[in-house]
Amino acid sequence: LHLHQLDIDEGYNIHERPEEAAGLPLIVNASINVRNILDIDEKAQLVSLETTLRFYWRDSRIKPKEEFLTSEDDHGKYISLNPSMANNIWMPDIFIDQAKAL
């Protein structure tokens, strides 16, 4: 994903979360895919995993250009975000409770 694939509203601020209608909280959906169990330490009660986290939400200030909507799922058409784009758009803060290390 590159910036030329998006229409971004004038005055867009990455530090302001997207607004929902009627002042409702923004819904950020998440899914996790466990790819591999690396280690289980029963004595220390630790599990080491390889996972993929997927977050998705709708930001009405950003609209993908139709010709770049190449993926589709149950929620509709979408563009996957390249990690290098994270510095250019609003991203939710992610906290994983009781994580030993990330």
C-alpha atoms as a PDB file:
ATOM      1  CA  LEU A   1       0.000   0.000   0.000  1.00  0.00           C
ATOM      2  CA  HIS A   2       1.311   3.406  -0.977  1.00  0.00           C
ATOM      3  CA  LEU A   3      -0.149   6.869  -0.358  1.00  0.00           C
ATOM      4  CA  HIS A   4      -1.100   7.257  -4.049  1.00  0.00           C
ATOM      5  CA  GLN A   5      -3.581   4.379  -3.542  1.00  0.00           C
ATOM      6  CA  LEU A   6      -5.602   6.457  -1.047  1.00  0.00           C
ATOM      7  CA  ASP A   7      -7.759   9.565  -1.010  1.00  0.00           C
ATOM      8  CA  ILE A   8      -6.971  11.265   2.319  1.00  0.00           C
ATOM      9  CA  ASP A   9      -9.089  14.155   3.625  1.00  0.00           C
ATOM     10  CA  GLU A  10      -7.513  17.604   3.729  1.00  0.00           C
ATOM     11  CA  GLY A  11      -6.238  18.353   7.232  1.00  0.00           C
ATOM     12  CA  TYR A  12      -5.946  14.675   8.173  1.00  0.00           C
ATOM     13  CA  ASN A  13      -4.244  14.280  11.566  1.00  0.00           C
ATOM     14  CA  ILE A  14      -2.755  10.893  12.502  1.00  0.00           C
ATOM     15  CA  HIS A  15      -3.015  11.798  16.202  1.00  0.00           C
ATOM     16  CA  GLU A  16      -6.819  12.055  16.120  1.00  0.00           C
ATOM     17  CA  ARG A  17      -8.764   8.822  16.147  1.00  0.00           C
ATOM     18  CA  PRO A  18     -11.444   8.435  13.484  1.00  0.00           C
ATOM     19  CA  GLU A  19     -14.909   9.588  14.534  1.00  0.00           C
ATOM     20  CA  GLU A  20     -18.006   7.443  14.517  1.00  0.00           C
ATOM     21  CA  ALA A  21     -21.492   8.806  13.932  1.00  0.00           C
ATOM     22  CA  ALA A  22     -23.261  10.301  16.970  1.00  0.00           C
ATOM     23  CA  GLY A  23     -20.045  10.340  19.014  1.00  0.00           C
ATOM     24  CA  LEU A  24     -19.965   6.571  19.497  1.00  0.00           C
ATOM     25  CA  PRO A  25     -16.611   4.898  20.230  1.00  0.00           C
ATOM     26  CA  LEU A  26     -14.653   3.662  17.222  1.00  0.00           C
ATOM     27  CA  ILE A  27     -14.897  -0.100  16.829  1.00  0.00           C
ATOM     28  CA  VAL A  28     -11.538  -1.755  16.151  1.00  0.00           C
ATOM     29  CA  ASN A  29     -11.902  -5.440  15.318  1.00  0.00           C
ATOM     30  CA  ALA A  30      -9.070  -7.884  15.874  1.00  0.00           C
ATOM     31  CA  SER A  31      -8.193 -11.442  15.018  1.00  0.00           C
ATOM     32  CA  ILE A  32      -5.226 -13.580  15.982  1.00  0.00           C
ATOM     33  CA  ASN A  33      -3.744 -16.502  14.104  1.00  0.00           C
ATOM     34  CA  VAL A  34      -1.417 -18.806  16.037  1.00  0.00           C
ATOM     35  CA  ARG A  35       1.182 -19.919  13.490  1.00  0.00           C
ATOM     36  CA  ASN A  36       3.481 -21.892  15.734  1.00  0.00           C
ATOM     37  CA  ILE A  37       3.902 -22.941  19.362  1.00  0.00           C
ATOM     38  CA  LEU A  38       7.608 -22.439  19.970  1.00  0.00           C
ATOM     39  CA  ASP A  39       7.943 -23.497  23.587  1.00  0.00           C
ATOM     40  CA  ILE A  40       5.912 -24.473  26.644  1.00  0.00           C
ATOM     41  CA  ASP A  41       7.533 -24.087  30.052  1.00  0.00           C
ATOM     42  CA  GLU A  42       5.074 -25.607  32.521  1.00  0.00           C
ATOM     43  CA  LYS A  43       7.193 -24.831  35.568  1.00  0.00           C
ATOM     44  CA  ALA A  44       7.473 -21.125  34.691  1.00  0.00           C
ATOM     45  CA  GLN A  45       3.939 -21.133  33.236  1.00  0.00           C
ATOM     46  CA  LEU A  46       5.155 -19.573  29.969  1.00  0.00           C
ATOM     47  CA  VAL A  47       4.103 -20.251  26.401  1.00  0.00           C
ATOM     48  CA  SER A  48       6.093 -18.871  23.451  1.00  0.00           C
ATOM     49  CA  LEU A  49       4.076 -18.372  20.272  1.00  0.00           C
ATOM     50  CA  GLU A  50       4.438 -17.096  16.726  1.00  0.00           C
ATOM     51  CA  THR A  51       1.257 -15.232  15.887  1.00  0.00           C
ATOM     52  CA  THR A  52      -0.249 -12.891  13.356  1.00  0.00           C
ATOM     53  CA  LEU A  53      -2.443 -10.088  14.695  1.00  0.00           C
ATOM     54  CA  ARG A  54      -4.931  -8.478  12.325  1.00  0.00           C
ATOM     55  CA  PHE A  55      -6.726  -5.247  13.186  1.00  0.00           C
ATOM     56  CA  TYR A  56      -9.345  -3.615  11.054  1.00  0.00           C
ATOM     57  CA  TRP A  57     -11.517  -0.534  11.365  1.00  0.00           C
ATOM     58  CA  ARG A  58     -13.159   2.027   9.139  1.00  0.00           C
ATOM     59  CA  ASP A  59     -11.637   5.515   8.966  1.00  0.00           C
ATOM     60  CA  SER A  60     -14.005   7.730   6.991  1.00  0.00           C
ATOM     61  CA  ARG A  61     -11.185  10.254   6.469  1.00  0.00           C
ATOM     62  CA  ILE A  62      -9.304   7.774   4.266  1.00  0.00           C
ATOM     63  CA  LYS A  63     -10.775   6.130   1.206  1.00  0.00           C
ATOM     64  CA  PRO A  64      -8.934   3.568  -0.904  1.00  0.00           C
ATOM     65  CA  LYS A  65      -9.090   4.181  -4.623  1.00  0.00           C
ATOM     66  CA  GLU A  66     -11.380   1.612  -6.226  1.00  0.00           C
ATOM     67  CA  GLU A  67      -8.765   0.252  -8.620  1.00  0.00           C
ATOM     68  CA  PHE A  68      -6.550  -0.818  -5.684  1.00  0.00           C
ATOM     69  CA  LEU A  69      -9.240  -2.775  -3.800  1.00  0.00           C
ATOM     70  CA  THR A  70      -7.846  -6.187  -4.685  1.00  0.00           C
ATOM     71  CA  SER A  71      -8.756  -8.189  -1.542  1.00  0.00           C
ATOM     72  CA  GLU A  72     -12.180  -9.120  -0.189  1.00  0.00           C
ATOM     73  CA  ASP A  73     -13.571 -10.951   2.844  1.00  0.00           C
ATOM     74  CA  ASP A  74     -16.851 -11.135   4.790  1.00  0.00           C
ATOM     75  CA  HIS A  75     -16.524  -7.415   5.634  1.00  0.00           C
ATOM     76  CA  GLY A  76     -16.098  -6.330   2.023  1.00  0.00           C
ATOM     77  CA  LYS A  77     -13.251  -5.132  -0.175  1.00  0.00           C
ATOM     78  CA  TYR A  78     -10.081  -3.847   1.459  1.00  0.00           C
ATOM     79  CA  ILE A  79      -6.427  -2.915   1.035  1.00  0.00           C
ATOM     80  CA  SER A  80      -3.831  -4.484   3.322  1.00  0.00           C
ATOM     81  CA  LEU A  81      -1.653  -1.998   5.158  1.00  0.00           C
ATOM     82  CA  ASN A  82       2.071  -2.242   4.555  1.00  0.00           C
ATOM     83  CA  PRO A  83       3.855  -1.760   7.921  1.00  0.00           C
ATOM     84  CA  SER A  84       5.818   1.158   6.459  1.00  0.00           C
ATOM     85  CA  MET A  85       2.518   3.070   6.148  1.00  0.00           C
ATOM     86  CA  ALA A  86       1.862   2.938   9.894  1.00  0.00           C
ATOM     87  CA  ASN A  87       3.632   6.278  10.357  1.00  0.00           C
ATOM     88  CA  ASN A  88       1.233   7.974   7.923  1.00  0.00           C
ATOM     89  CA  ILE A  89      -2.178   6.978   9.271  1.00  0.00           C
ATOM     90  CA  TRP A  90      -3.919   6.685  12.639  1.00  0.00           C
ATOM     91  CA  MET A  91      -3.269   3.336  14.278  1.00  0.00           C
ATOM     92  CA  PRO A  92      -4.875   2.014  17.469  1.00  0.00           C
ATOM     93  CA  ASP A  93      -2.687   1.565  20.541  1.00  0.00           C
ATOM     94  CA  ILE A  94      -2.160  -2.137  21.185  1.00  0.00           C
ATOM     95  CA  PHE A  95      -1.721  -3.548  24.681  1.00  0.00           C
ATOM     96  CA  ILE A  96      -1.283  -7.242  25.389  1.00  0.00           C
ATOM     97  CA  ASP A  97      -1.959  -7.921  29.057  1.00  0.00           C
ATOM     98  CA  GLN A  98       0.519 -10.177  30.851  1.00  0.00           C
ATOM     99  CA  ALA A  99       2.839 -10.476  27.852  1.00  0.00           C
ATOM    100  CA  LYS A 100       6.350 -11.394  28.950  1.00  0.00           C
ATOM    101  CA  ALA A 101       7.980 -10.074  25.770  1.00  0.00           C
ATOM    102  CA  LEU A 102       6.981  -9.076  22.254  1.00  0.00           C
END
